[in-house]
Each structure stands twice: as structure tokens, then as C-alpha cells.
Amino acid sequence: MRRIKTLLSKTNKNFAYSIIPRTGDEILDRFEDYTALTEKEFAKKHQFEWHEPFALIYDNKEYEIQLNFCTDPFCKWFGKPQEHFNGKLHRYHKGGSATISIFCNENPNKKTPGFATSTSTTLLSNWSIAEEIARLANNNKVVNKDPVYEFHKVGCTNIPATPFAGVELFHKRGKSSSNSQKWQCKECKKMTNTLPSIRECFTYHQKRNDILPLFADLLLNRVPVKRTCEILGIGNSTYYNKLEILYQRCLEFLEKHEQEAFKKQNFDEMYLDT
């Protein structure tokens, strides 16, 4: 049975998160430098950090985030990361005033065929990009609602048994008004309610669930918030609560139907129109 889901918490980074290549003390020093140093001093102290890639964990897979490279396809350094040549020369150097950019340098050894163009590439923060991707990924994710149950009283001899693994140690005591199963420990007699499945209680922890179809219709027809509240007889807080529930239901539908369908599809090529 499908379990009750909830929107992924902003503090929960189990689905997508970036791996910062810094120790805790280094990050703390960086934050202190940001407020203590001037913009020029801060940029000088941390000037060699811009070309460091960041690792992004997305759906248990690791991806490297590195966006600071030459974007000119006619340049011999196109798509290549920063590299140190002889002396103080590097593949790229920073420049610009209003917008910081990177420029290509010529390799003094002339080992690589071609030439370095003068095209500039806007400098980006790999750290910020990785954090933003993780934020957007987590912002559109629903996860199973997993409350922490306490099935036993302190000192019970059946700890840590649960009805999910060790059902013989519990009695079934009917169901609550929300159709959730009641369990009672045979030893300490503690009663505990577990979450129902979606099929058992689609309206779990909801009031006025009957207004959702009309609410969705008014929303799609761009009816103002105040007018929607008047039609449905609800307050502003209920409006935004139902808006979040509707958003969650849409994400659940996408996860169950469309995402699973696209996982089975293979595309030789795709065209993106932006």
C-alpha cells in the first residue's frame, strides 16, 4: 500500500546535497573573513578557490560541478579546467571590473595545437551552483512520512520490538477515527497509533478536504485569493494550507506516474527550447 507522504523539509538533505571540500574550521574562517575583510582583501585571500570543483550528491549519485572553463568552441582551451603551467602562468586568469571573468592564456610550451582566443567567460561560484541545484531538487520532492514511534513504556522487556518486525508481541486494538491501526504491547500494555496508508485515509490531518476540487478549479482560472476565500468560506491561512496540499498531490502524481514512465524511456537525442 502507498504510504502517506509529505514535502521534503528544507533542513533535510537526504535526496540532494553538495559536498564542501573544506573542513569545518576552514568554513568558519571563511565566514569570519567575509565580515572582517574588505571586498578586495577577501578576493585576494581566496583568489585560488574559484576553479575548485564541487561534488553534488543527487539521488545517491555523485556529479562534479565545474562551470569555470572556456566556453569558446574555437579556443584550444574550450571546456578544459584550470591548469598550472611553468612559472606563475596558468591556463586562465581573472579580470574585469563590473563582472569578474576568466580569460585564456597561451601555453608557453606550445604543445597544444591551436590558439587561445580573447573571449571572456563570466566567473561563477561552483559552490553556489551546487547548493542551488540541491535546493531546487529538494524543493520539489515528496518523501514518505516516517514518524518516530514509541511502542513501549520505559523498562518494558519487549524493547525494541515493533509491530513491523515482531507482530506476535502486540495486540491489534481496532482503528482510530482516522482509520489508523492501534497496537498494544502485550507486556507493558502501551497503546500506539500508526499512520494509515493513503488508501485507508486520503484525508489524513486535513479539514475541509471537500473543497479541494473547486479550489483547484478557481486556482487554474486565476481567481484572486480574496475572492476564492469568499467563495469557499475559508480564511487566508486555510487557502495557503490547501495550496501546499494541492502542490504536494501534484508532486505525488508526477512521482507515481510520469517519473516512472520516463525512467523506462530512452531518447537518442533531445532538443531544448528555452
C-alpha atoms as a PDB file:
ATOM      1  CA  MET A   1       0.000   0.000   0.000  1.00  0.00           C
ATOM      2  CA  ARG A   2       1.148   3.520  -0.746  1.00  0.00           C
ATOM      3  CA  ARG A   3       2.259   5.352   2.356  1.00  0.00           C
ATOM      4  CA  ILE A   4       1.316   8.875   3.369  1.00  0.00           C
ATOM      5  CA  LYS A   5       3.838  11.360   2.039  1.00  0.00           C
ATOM      6  CA  THR A   6       4.976  14.844   2.956  1.00  0.00           C
ATOM      7  CA  LEU A   7       7.040  17.582   1.348  1.00  0.00           C
ATOM      8  CA  LEU A   8      10.763  17.207   1.965  1.00  0.00           C
ATOM      9  CA  SER A   9      11.848  19.508   4.777  1.00  0.00           C
ATOM     10  CA  LYS A  10      14.213  22.373   3.916  1.00  0.00           C
ATOM     11  CA  THR A  11      16.630  21.072   6.545  1.00  0.00           C
ATOM     12  CA  ASN A  12      16.517  17.532   5.155  1.00  0.00           C
ATOM     13  CA  LYS A  13      19.248  16.979   2.554  1.00  0.00           C
ATOM     14  CA  ASN A  14      18.963  13.236   2.100  1.00  0.00           C
ATOM     15  CA  PHE A  15      17.954  13.458  -1.581  1.00  0.00           C
ATOM     16  CA  ALA A  16      20.380  16.105  -2.874  1.00  0.00           C
ATOM     17  CA  TYR A  17      23.257  17.899  -1.195  1.00  0.00           C
ATOM     18  CA  SER A  18      26.674  19.295  -2.062  1.00  0.00           C
ATOM     19  CA  ILE A  19      29.943  18.075  -0.587  1.00  0.00           C
ATOM     20  CA  ILE A  20      32.034  21.051   0.503  1.00  0.00           C
ATOM     21  CA  PRO A  21      35.784  20.388   0.062  1.00  0.00           C
ATOM     22  CA  ARG A  22      36.564  22.283   3.272  1.00  0.00           C
ATOM     23  CA  THR A  23      36.923  21.361   6.920  1.00  0.00           C
ATOM     24  CA  GLY A  24      34.604  22.891   9.492  1.00  0.00           C
ATOM     25  CA  ASP A  25      37.355  25.251  10.711  1.00  0.00           C
ATOM     26  CA  GLU A  26      38.110  26.422   7.156  1.00  0.00           C
ATOM     27  CA  ILE A  27      34.436  27.228   6.534  1.00  0.00           C
ATOM     28  CA  LEU A  28      34.231  29.101   9.845  1.00  0.00           C
ATOM     29  CA  ASP A  29      37.365  31.110   8.947  1.00  0.00           C
ATOM     30  CA  ARG A  30      35.842  31.959   5.572  1.00  0.00           C
ATOM     31  CA  PHE A  31      32.663  33.325   7.181  1.00  0.00           C
ATOM     32  CA  GLU A  32      34.761  35.396   9.600  1.00  0.00           C
ATOM     33  CA  ASP A  33      36.881  36.742   6.735  1.00  0.00           C
ATOM     34  CA  TYR A  34      33.723  37.741   4.838  1.00  0.00           C
ATOM     35  CA  THR A  35      32.742  40.216   7.561  1.00  0.00           C
ATOM     36  CA  ALA A  36      36.224  41.216   8.763  1.00  0.00           C
ATOM     37  CA  LEU A  37      37.997  41.831   5.433  1.00  0.00           C
ATOM     38  CA  THR A  38      37.260  44.324   2.701  1.00  0.00           C
ATOM     39  CA  GLU A  39      35.966  43.041  -0.635  1.00  0.00           C
ATOM     40  CA  LYS A  40      39.418  43.412  -2.193  1.00  0.00           C
ATOM     41  CA  GLU A  41      41.200  41.698   0.708  1.00  0.00           C
ATOM     42  CA  PHE A  42      38.709  38.825   0.754  1.00  0.00           C
ATOM     43  CA  ALA A  43      39.043  38.312  -3.021  1.00  0.00           C
ATOM     44  CA  LYS A  44      42.840  38.295  -2.756  1.00  0.00           C
ATOM     45  CA  LYS A  45      42.929  35.790   0.120  1.00  0.00           C
ATOM     46  CA  HIS A  46      40.538  33.365  -1.553  1.00  0.00           C
ATOM     47  CA  GLN A  47      41.506  34.060  -5.174  1.00  0.00           C
ATOM     48  CA  PHE A  48      42.544  30.491  -5.996  1.00  0.00           C
ATOM     49  CA  GLU A  49      39.295  28.845  -4.860  1.00  0.00           C
ATOM     50  CA  TRP A  50      37.182  29.746  -7.898  1.00  0.00           C
ATOM     51  CA  HIS A  51      38.425  26.865 -10.076  1.00  0.00           C
ATOM     52  CA  GLU A  52      37.883  24.116  -7.478  1.00  0.00           C
ATOM     53  CA  PRO A  53      35.048  21.737  -8.484  1.00  0.00           C
ATOM     54  CA  PHE A  54      32.290  20.737  -6.089  1.00  0.00           C
ATOM     55  CA  ALA A  55      30.662  17.339  -5.745  1.00  0.00           C
ATOM     56  CA  LEU A  56      26.868  17.125  -5.811  1.00  0.00           C
ATOM     57  CA  ILE A  57      25.059  14.050  -4.487  1.00  0.00           C
ATOM     58  CA  TYR A  58      21.760  13.729  -6.338  1.00  0.00           C
ATOM     59  CA  ASP A  59      19.538  10.682  -5.819  1.00  0.00           C
ATOM     60  CA  ASN A  60      22.522   8.692  -4.421  1.00  0.00           C
ATOM     61  CA  LYS A  61      24.677   9.518  -7.463  1.00  0.00           C
ATOM     62  CA  GLU A  62      27.685  11.839  -7.425  1.00  0.00           C
ATOM     63  CA  TYR A  63      28.175  14.575 -10.018  1.00  0.00           C
ATOM     64  CA  GLU A  64      31.022  17.053 -10.387  1.00  0.00           C
ATOM     65  CA  ILE A  65      30.076  20.726 -10.639  1.00  0.00           C
ATOM     66  CA  GLN A  66      32.689  22.710 -12.573  1.00  0.00           C
ATOM     67  CA  LEU A  67      31.400  25.641 -14.626  1.00  0.00           C
ATOM     68  CA  ASN A  68      34.531  27.787 -14.814  1.00  0.00           C
ATOM     69  CA  PHE A  69      36.180  26.958 -18.123  1.00  0.00           C
ATOM     70  CA  CYS A  70      36.475  28.470 -21.577  1.00  0.00           C
ATOM     71  CA  THR A  71      33.171  28.476 -23.461  1.00  0.00           C
ATOM     72  CA  ASP A  72      34.583  29.450 -26.864  1.00  0.00           C
ATOM     73  CA  PRO A  73      34.490  26.349 -29.135  1.00  0.00           C
ATOM     74  CA  PHE A  74      37.209  27.878 -31.350  1.00  0.00           C
ATOM     75  CA  CYS A  75      39.649  28.190 -28.433  1.00  0.00           C
ATOM     76  CA  LYS A  76      42.085  25.359 -27.747  1.00  0.00           C
ATOM     77  CA  TRP A  77      41.187  25.505 -24.022  1.00  0.00           C
ATOM     78  CA  PHE A  78      37.472  25.012 -24.701  1.00  0.00           C
ATOM     79  CA  GLY A  79      35.855  23.025 -21.862  1.00  0.00           C
ATOM     80  CA  LYS A  80      39.140  22.392 -20.031  1.00  0.00           C
ATOM     81  CA  PRO A  81      39.671  23.099 -16.294  1.00  0.00           C
ATOM     82  CA  GLN A  82      42.274  25.397 -14.782  1.00  0.00           C
ATOM     83  CA  GLU A  83      45.871  24.175 -15.087  1.00  0.00           C
ATOM     84  CA  HIS A  84      49.214  25.470 -13.859  1.00  0.00           C
ATOM     85  CA  PHE A  85      51.943  25.953 -16.472  1.00  0.00           C
ATOM     86  CA  ASN A  86      55.606  26.809 -15.939  1.00  0.00           C
ATOM     87  CA  GLY A  87      56.391  29.660 -13.585  1.00  0.00           C
ATOM     88  CA  LYS A  88      53.366  31.681 -12.456  1.00  0.00           C
ATOM     89  CA  LEU A  89      51.354  31.188 -15.632  1.00  0.00           C
ATOM     90  CA  HIS A  90      48.015  29.370 -15.543  1.00  0.00           C
ATOM     91  CA  ARG A  91      45.576  28.330 -18.267  1.00  0.00           C
ATOM     92  CA  TYR A  92      43.153  31.075 -17.155  1.00  0.00           C
ATOM     93  CA  HIS A  93      43.481  34.389 -15.381  1.00  0.00           C
ATOM     94  CA  LYS A  94      40.798  36.561 -13.806  1.00  0.00           C
ATOM     95  CA  GLY A  95      39.911  40.025 -14.988  1.00  0.00           C
ATOM     96  CA  GLY A  96      37.144  42.559 -15.387  1.00  0.00           C
ATOM     97  CA  SER A  97      35.717  45.242 -13.129  1.00  0.00           C
ATOM     98  CA  ALA A  98      31.908  45.212 -13.054  1.00  0.00           C
ATOM     99  CA  THR A  99      31.669  41.491 -13.872  1.00  0.00           C
ATOM    100  CA  ILE A 100      34.545  39.170 -12.953  1.00  0.00           C
ATOM    101  CA  SER A 101      35.515  36.952 -15.885  1.00  0.00           C
ATOM    102  CA  ILE A 102      38.220  34.498 -16.814  1.00  0.00           C
ATOM    103  CA  PHE A 103      40.495  34.876 -19.832  1.00  0.00           C
ATOM    104  CA  CYS A 104      42.609  32.285 -21.603  1.00  0.00           C
ATOM    105  CA  ASN A 105      46.408  32.395 -21.542  1.00  0.00           C
ATOM    106  CA  GLU A 106      48.665  30.955 -24.224  1.00  0.00           C
ATOM    107  CA  ASN A 107      50.692  27.890 -23.252  1.00  0.00           C
ATOM    108  CA  PRO A 108      54.378  28.895 -23.466  1.00  0.00           C
ATOM    109  CA  ASN A 109      55.387  25.351 -24.421  1.00  0.00           C
ATOM    110  CA  LYS A 110      53.087  25.389 -27.472  1.00  0.00           C
ATOM    111  CA  LYS A 111      52.362  21.686 -27.010  1.00  0.00           C
ATOM    112  CA  THR A 112      48.631  22.002 -27.606  1.00  0.00           C
ATOM    113  CA  PRO A 113      47.685  22.746 -31.237  1.00  0.00           C
ATOM    114  CA  GLY A 114      45.521  25.767 -31.948  1.00  0.00           C
ATOM    115  CA  PHE A 115      45.457  29.147 -30.243  1.00  0.00           C
ATOM    116  CA  ALA A 116      43.896  30.779 -27.189  1.00  0.00           C
ATOM    117  CA  THR A 117      41.183  33.279 -28.110  1.00  0.00           C
ATOM    118  CA  SER A 118      40.481  36.507 -26.230  1.00  0.00           C
ATOM    119  CA  THR A 119      36.879  35.549 -25.434  1.00  0.00           C
ATOM    120  CA  SER A 120      35.937  36.106 -21.787  1.00  0.00           C
ATOM    121  CA  THR A 121      33.783  33.752 -19.692  1.00  0.00           C
ATOM    122  CA  THR A 122      31.781  35.017 -16.716  1.00  0.00           C
ATOM    123  CA  LEU A 123      33.106  33.602 -13.467  1.00  0.00           C
ATOM    124  CA  LEU A 124      30.594  31.552 -11.483  1.00  0.00           C
ATOM    125  CA  SER A 125      30.623  30.057  -7.992  1.00  0.00           C
ATOM    126  CA  ASN A 126      30.655  26.260  -8.192  1.00  0.00           C
ATOM    127  CA  TRP A 127      29.708  26.177  -4.517  1.00  0.00           C
ATOM    128  CA  SER A 128      26.648  28.379  -5.051  1.00  0.00           C
ATOM    129  CA  ILE A 129      25.548  26.454  -8.148  1.00  0.00           C
ATOM    130  CA  ALA A 130      25.795  23.121  -6.335  1.00  0.00           C
ATOM    131  CA  GLU A 131      23.827  24.471  -3.356  1.00  0.00           C
ATOM    132  CA  GLU A 132      21.139  25.911  -5.662  1.00  0.00           C
ATOM    133  CA  ILE A 133      20.727  22.643  -7.577  1.00  0.00           C
ATOM    134  CA  ALA A 134      20.369  20.802  -4.265  1.00  0.00           C
ATOM    135  CA  ARG A 135      17.831  23.372  -3.034  1.00  0.00           C
ATOM    136  CA  LEU A 136      15.691  23.074  -6.179  1.00  0.00           C
ATOM    137  CA  ALA A 137      15.877  19.268  -6.137  1.00  0.00           C
ATOM    138  CA  ASN A 138      14.793  19.094  -2.502  1.00  0.00           C
ATOM    139  CA  ASN A 139      12.159  21.784  -3.040  1.00  0.00           C
ATOM    140  CA  ASN A 140      10.216  19.559  -5.448  1.00  0.00           C
ATOM    141  CA  LYS A 141      10.446  16.268  -3.614  1.00  0.00           C
ATOM    142  CA  VAL A 142       7.925  14.298  -1.598  1.00  0.00           C
ATOM    143  CA  VAL A 143       9.064  11.617   0.828  1.00  0.00           C
ATOM    144  CA  ASN A 144       7.360   9.012   2.967  1.00  0.00           C
ATOM    145  CA  LYS A 145       6.163  10.366   6.289  1.00  0.00           C
ATOM    146  CA  ASP A 146       8.102   8.413   8.893  1.00  0.00           C
ATOM    147  CA  PRO A 147       7.136   9.421  12.439  1.00  0.00           C
ATOM    148  CA  VAL A 148       9.169   8.137  15.370  1.00  0.00           C
ATOM    149  CA  TYR A 149       7.013   5.671  17.295  1.00  0.00           C
ATOM    150  CA  GLU A 150       7.329   4.700  20.942  1.00  0.00           C
ATOM    151  CA  PHE A 151       5.623   1.335  21.262  1.00  0.00           C
ATOM    152  CA  HIS A 152       6.769   0.614  24.829  1.00  0.00           C
ATOM    153  CA  LYS A 153       6.922   2.177  28.239  1.00  0.00           C
ATOM    154  CA  VAL A 154      10.256   2.727  29.957  1.00  0.00           C
ATOM    155  CA  GLY A 155      11.618  -0.565  31.258  1.00  0.00           C
ATOM    156  CA  CYS A 156       9.479  -2.801  29.028  1.00  0.00           C
ATOM    157  CA  THR A 157      11.119  -6.152  28.281  1.00  0.00           C
ATOM    158  CA  ASN A 158       9.878  -6.091  24.659  1.00  0.00           C
ATOM    159  CA  ILE A 159      12.018  -3.063  23.671  1.00  0.00           C
ATOM    160  CA  PRO A 160      12.956  -2.560  20.810  1.00  0.00           C
ATOM    161  CA  ALA A 161      10.326  -4.782  19.126  1.00  0.00           C
ATOM    162  CA  THR A 162       7.803  -3.122  16.768  1.00  0.00           C
ATOM    163  CA  PRO A 163       4.614  -4.350  15.058  1.00  0.00           C
ATOM    164  CA  PHE A 164       6.503  -4.147  11.737  1.00  0.00           C
ATOM    165  CA  ALA A 165       9.049  -6.728  12.966  1.00  0.00           C
ATOM    166  CA  GLY A 166       7.711  -8.810  15.825  1.00  0.00           C
ATOM    167  CA  VAL A 167       3.947  -8.544  15.452  1.00  0.00           C
ATOM    168  CA  GLU A 168       3.464 -11.528  17.795  1.00  0.00           C
ATOM    169  CA  LEU A 169       4.401  -9.266  20.732  1.00  0.00           C
ATOM    170  CA  PHE A 170       1.457  -6.907  20.101  1.00  0.00           C
ATOM    171  CA  HIS A 171      -2.320  -6.928  20.179  1.00  0.00           C
ATOM    172  CA  LYS A 172      -4.421  -5.216  17.493  1.00  0.00           C
ATOM    173  CA  ARG A 173      -6.879  -2.875  19.225  1.00  0.00           C
ATOM    174  CA  GLY A 174      -9.023  -1.684  16.353  1.00  0.00           C
ATOM    175  CA  LYS A 175      -8.647   1.536  14.429  1.00  0.00           C
ATOM    176  CA  SER A 176      -8.912   5.215  15.271  1.00  0.00           C
ATOM    177  CA  SER A 177     -11.249   7.781  13.715  1.00  0.00           C
ATOM    178  CA  SER A 178      -8.614   8.434  11.029  1.00  0.00           C
ATOM    179  CA  ASN A 179      -8.516   4.700  10.209  1.00  0.00           C
ATOM    180  CA  SER A 180      -5.029   4.266  11.687  1.00  0.00           C
ATOM    181  CA  GLN A 181      -4.210   0.923  13.289  1.00  0.00           C
ATOM    182  CA  LYS A 182      -3.938   0.766  17.097  1.00  0.00           C
ATOM    183  CA  TRP A 183      -1.297  -1.506  18.586  1.00  0.00           C
ATOM    184  CA  GLN A 184      -0.870  -2.549  22.215  1.00  0.00           C
ATOM    185  CA  CYS A 185       2.272  -4.077  23.649  1.00  0.00           C
ATOM    186  CA  LYS A 186       1.442  -7.398  25.378  1.00  0.00           C
ATOM    187  CA  GLU A 187       3.978  -6.700  28.115  1.00  0.00           C
ATOM    188  CA  CYS A 188       3.649  -3.024  29.133  1.00  0.00           C
ATOM    189  CA  LYS A 189       0.110  -2.501  27.678  1.00  0.00           C
ATOM    190  CA  LYS A 190       1.117   0.772  25.950  1.00  0.00           C
ATOM    191  CA  MET A 191      -1.247   1.795  23.110  1.00  0.00           C
ATOM    192  CA  THR A 192       0.227   3.310  19.937  1.00  0.00           C
ATOM    193  CA  ASN A 193      -1.406   4.511  16.718  1.00  0.00           C
ATOM    194  CA  THR A 194       0.470   4.017  13.428  1.00  0.00           C
ATOM    195  CA  LEU A 195      -0.004   6.038  10.267  1.00  0.00           C
ATOM    196  CA  PRO A 196      -2.642   4.711   7.866  1.00  0.00           C
ATOM    197  CA  SER A 197      -1.874   4.211   4.186  1.00  0.00           C
ATOM    198  CA  ILE A 198      -3.178   6.671   1.587  1.00  0.00           C
ATOM    199  CA  ARG A 199      -5.887   4.203   0.580  1.00  0.00           C
ATOM    200  CA  GLU A 200      -7.004   3.876   4.209  1.00  0.00           C
ATOM    201  CA  CYS A 201      -7.144   7.642   4.860  1.00  0.00           C
ATOM    202  CA  PHE A 202      -6.654  10.005   1.917  1.00  0.00           C
ATOM    203  CA  THR A 203      -7.645  12.997   4.056  1.00  0.00           C
ATOM    204  CA  TYR A 204      -5.265  12.335   6.959  1.00  0.00           C
ATOM    205  CA  HIS A 205      -4.743  15.510   9.071  1.00  0.00           C
ATOM    206  CA  GLN A 206      -6.966  17.538   6.757  1.00  0.00           C
ATOM    207  CA  LYS A 207     -10.130  19.504   7.279  1.00  0.00           C
ATOM    208  CA  ARG A 208     -12.466  20.689   4.531  1.00  0.00           C
ATOM    209  CA  ASN A 209     -10.934  18.270   2.047  1.00  0.00           C
ATOM    210  CA  ASP A 210     -14.153  18.506   0.015  1.00  0.00           C
ATOM    211  CA  ILE A 211     -13.217  21.982  -1.225  1.00  0.00           C
ATOM    212  CA  LEU A 212     -10.018  20.862  -2.998  1.00  0.00           C
ATOM    213  CA  PRO A 213     -11.608  20.191  -6.465  1.00  0.00           C
ATOM    214  CA  LEU A 214     -13.288  23.614  -6.560  1.00  0.00           C
ATOM    215  CA  PHE A 215     -10.178  25.220  -5.055  1.00  0.00           C
ATOM    216  CA  ALA A 216      -8.051  23.775  -7.882  1.00  0.00           C
ATOM    217  CA  ASP A 217     -10.577  24.978 -10.470  1.00  0.00           C
ATOM    218  CA  LEU A 218     -10.548  28.524  -9.071  1.00  0.00           C
ATOM    219  CA  LEU A 219      -6.757  28.498  -8.922  1.00  0.00           C
ATOM    220  CA  LEU A 220      -6.386  27.445 -12.561  1.00  0.00           C
ATOM    221  CA  ASN A 221      -8.855  30.153 -13.592  1.00  0.00           C
ATOM    222  CA  ARG A 222      -6.732  32.776 -11.793  1.00  0.00           C
ATOM    223  CA  VAL A 223      -9.411  33.792  -9.323  1.00  0.00           C
ATOM    224  CA  PRO A 224      -7.904  36.235  -6.757  1.00  0.00           C
ATOM    225  CA  VAL A 225      -7.100  34.945  -3.277  1.00  0.00           C
ATOM    226  CA  LYS A 226      -9.691  37.112  -1.534  1.00  0.00           C
ATOM    227  CA  ARG A 227     -12.471  36.108  -3.944  1.00  0.00           C
ATOM    228  CA  THR A 228     -11.522  32.397  -3.615  1.00  0.00           C
ATOM    229  CA  CYS A 229     -11.751  32.652   0.172  1.00  0.00           C
ATOM    230  CA  GLU A 230     -15.211  34.250  -0.123  1.00  0.00           C
ATOM    231  CA  ILE A 231     -16.486  31.526  -2.487  1.00  0.00           C
ATOM    232  CA  LEU A 232     -15.149  28.652  -0.359  1.00  0.00           C
ATOM    233  CA  GLY A 233     -15.834  30.278   3.006  1.00  0.00           C
ATOM    234  CA  ILE A 234     -12.256  29.869   4.252  1.00  0.00           C
ATOM    235  CA  GLY A 235      -9.583  32.139   5.710  1.00  0.00           C
ATOM    236  CA  ASN A 236      -6.238  33.158   4.240  1.00  0.00           C
ATOM    237  CA  SER A 237      -4.276  30.597   6.294  1.00  0.00           C
ATOM    238  CA  THR A 238      -6.554  27.787   5.074  1.00  0.00           C
ATOM    239  CA  TYR A 239      -6.090  28.999   1.481  1.00  0.00           C
ATOM    240  CA  TYR A 240      -2.312  28.676   1.610  1.00  0.00           C
ATOM    241  CA  ASN A 241      -2.549  25.399   3.508  1.00  0.00           C
ATOM    242  CA  LYS A 242      -4.752  23.937   0.767  1.00  0.00           C
ATOM    243  CA  LEU A 243      -2.387  25.386  -1.846  1.00  0.00           C
ATOM    244  CA  GLU A 244       0.509  23.439  -0.341  1.00  0.00           C
ATOM    245  CA  ILE A 245      -1.588  20.257  -0.137  1.00  0.00           C
ATOM    246  CA  LEU A 246      -2.588  20.610  -3.797  1.00  0.00           C
ATOM    247  CA  TYR A 247       1.059  21.170  -4.745  1.00  0.00           C
ATOM    248  CA  GLN A 248       2.038  18.055  -2.801  1.00  0.00           C
ATOM    249  CA  ARG A 249      -0.679  15.993  -4.519  1.00  0.00           C
ATOM    250  CA  CYS A 250       0.636  17.096  -7.929  1.00  0.00           C
ATOM    251  CA  LEU A 251       4.174  16.047  -6.987  1.00  0.00           C
ATOM    252  CA  GLU A 252       2.873  12.686  -5.774  1.00  0.00           C
ATOM    253  CA  PHE A 253       1.103  12.168  -9.118  1.00  0.00           C
ATOM    254  CA  LEU A 254       4.277  13.027 -11.036  1.00  0.00           C
ATOM    255  CA  GLU A 255       6.345  10.675  -8.906  1.00  0.00           C
ATOM    256  CA  LYS A 256       3.932   7.757  -9.282  1.00  0.00           C
ATOM    257  CA  HIS A 257       3.060   8.100 -12.972  1.00  0.00           C
ATOM    258  CA  GLU A 258       5.198  10.403 -15.116  1.00  0.00           C
ATOM    259  CA  GLN A 259       8.627   9.967 -13.485  1.00  0.00           C
ATOM    260  CA  GLU A 260       8.335   6.188 -13.531  1.00  0.00           C
ATOM    261  CA  ALA A 261       7.208   6.292 -17.162  1.00  0.00           C
ATOM    262  CA  PHE A 262      10.142   8.475 -18.246  1.00  0.00           C
ATOM    263  CA  LYS A 263      12.640   6.196 -16.461  1.00  0.00           C
ATOM    264  CA  LYS A 264      11.693   3.468 -18.938  1.00  0.00           C
ATOM    265  CA  GLN A 265      12.181   5.704 -21.982  1.00  0.00           C
ATOM    266  CA  ASN A 266      15.399   6.131 -23.947  1.00  0.00           C
ATOM    267  CA  PHE A 267      15.986   9.162 -26.156  1.00  0.00           C
ATOM    268  CA  ASP A 268      18.775   9.193 -28.742  1.00  0.00           C
ATOM    269  CA  GLU A 269      18.647  12.966 -28.920  1.00  0.00           C
ATOM    270  CA  MET A 270      16.627  15.801 -27.414  1.00  0.00           C
ATOM    271  CA  TYR A 271      16.049  19.411 -28.417  1.00  0.00           C
ATOM    272  CA  LEU A 272      15.669  22.014 -25.685  1.00  0.00           C
ATOM    273  CA  ASP A 273      13.774  25.187 -26.496  1.00  0.00           C
ATOM    274  CA  THR A 274      14.387  27.960 -23.960  1.00  0.00           C
END
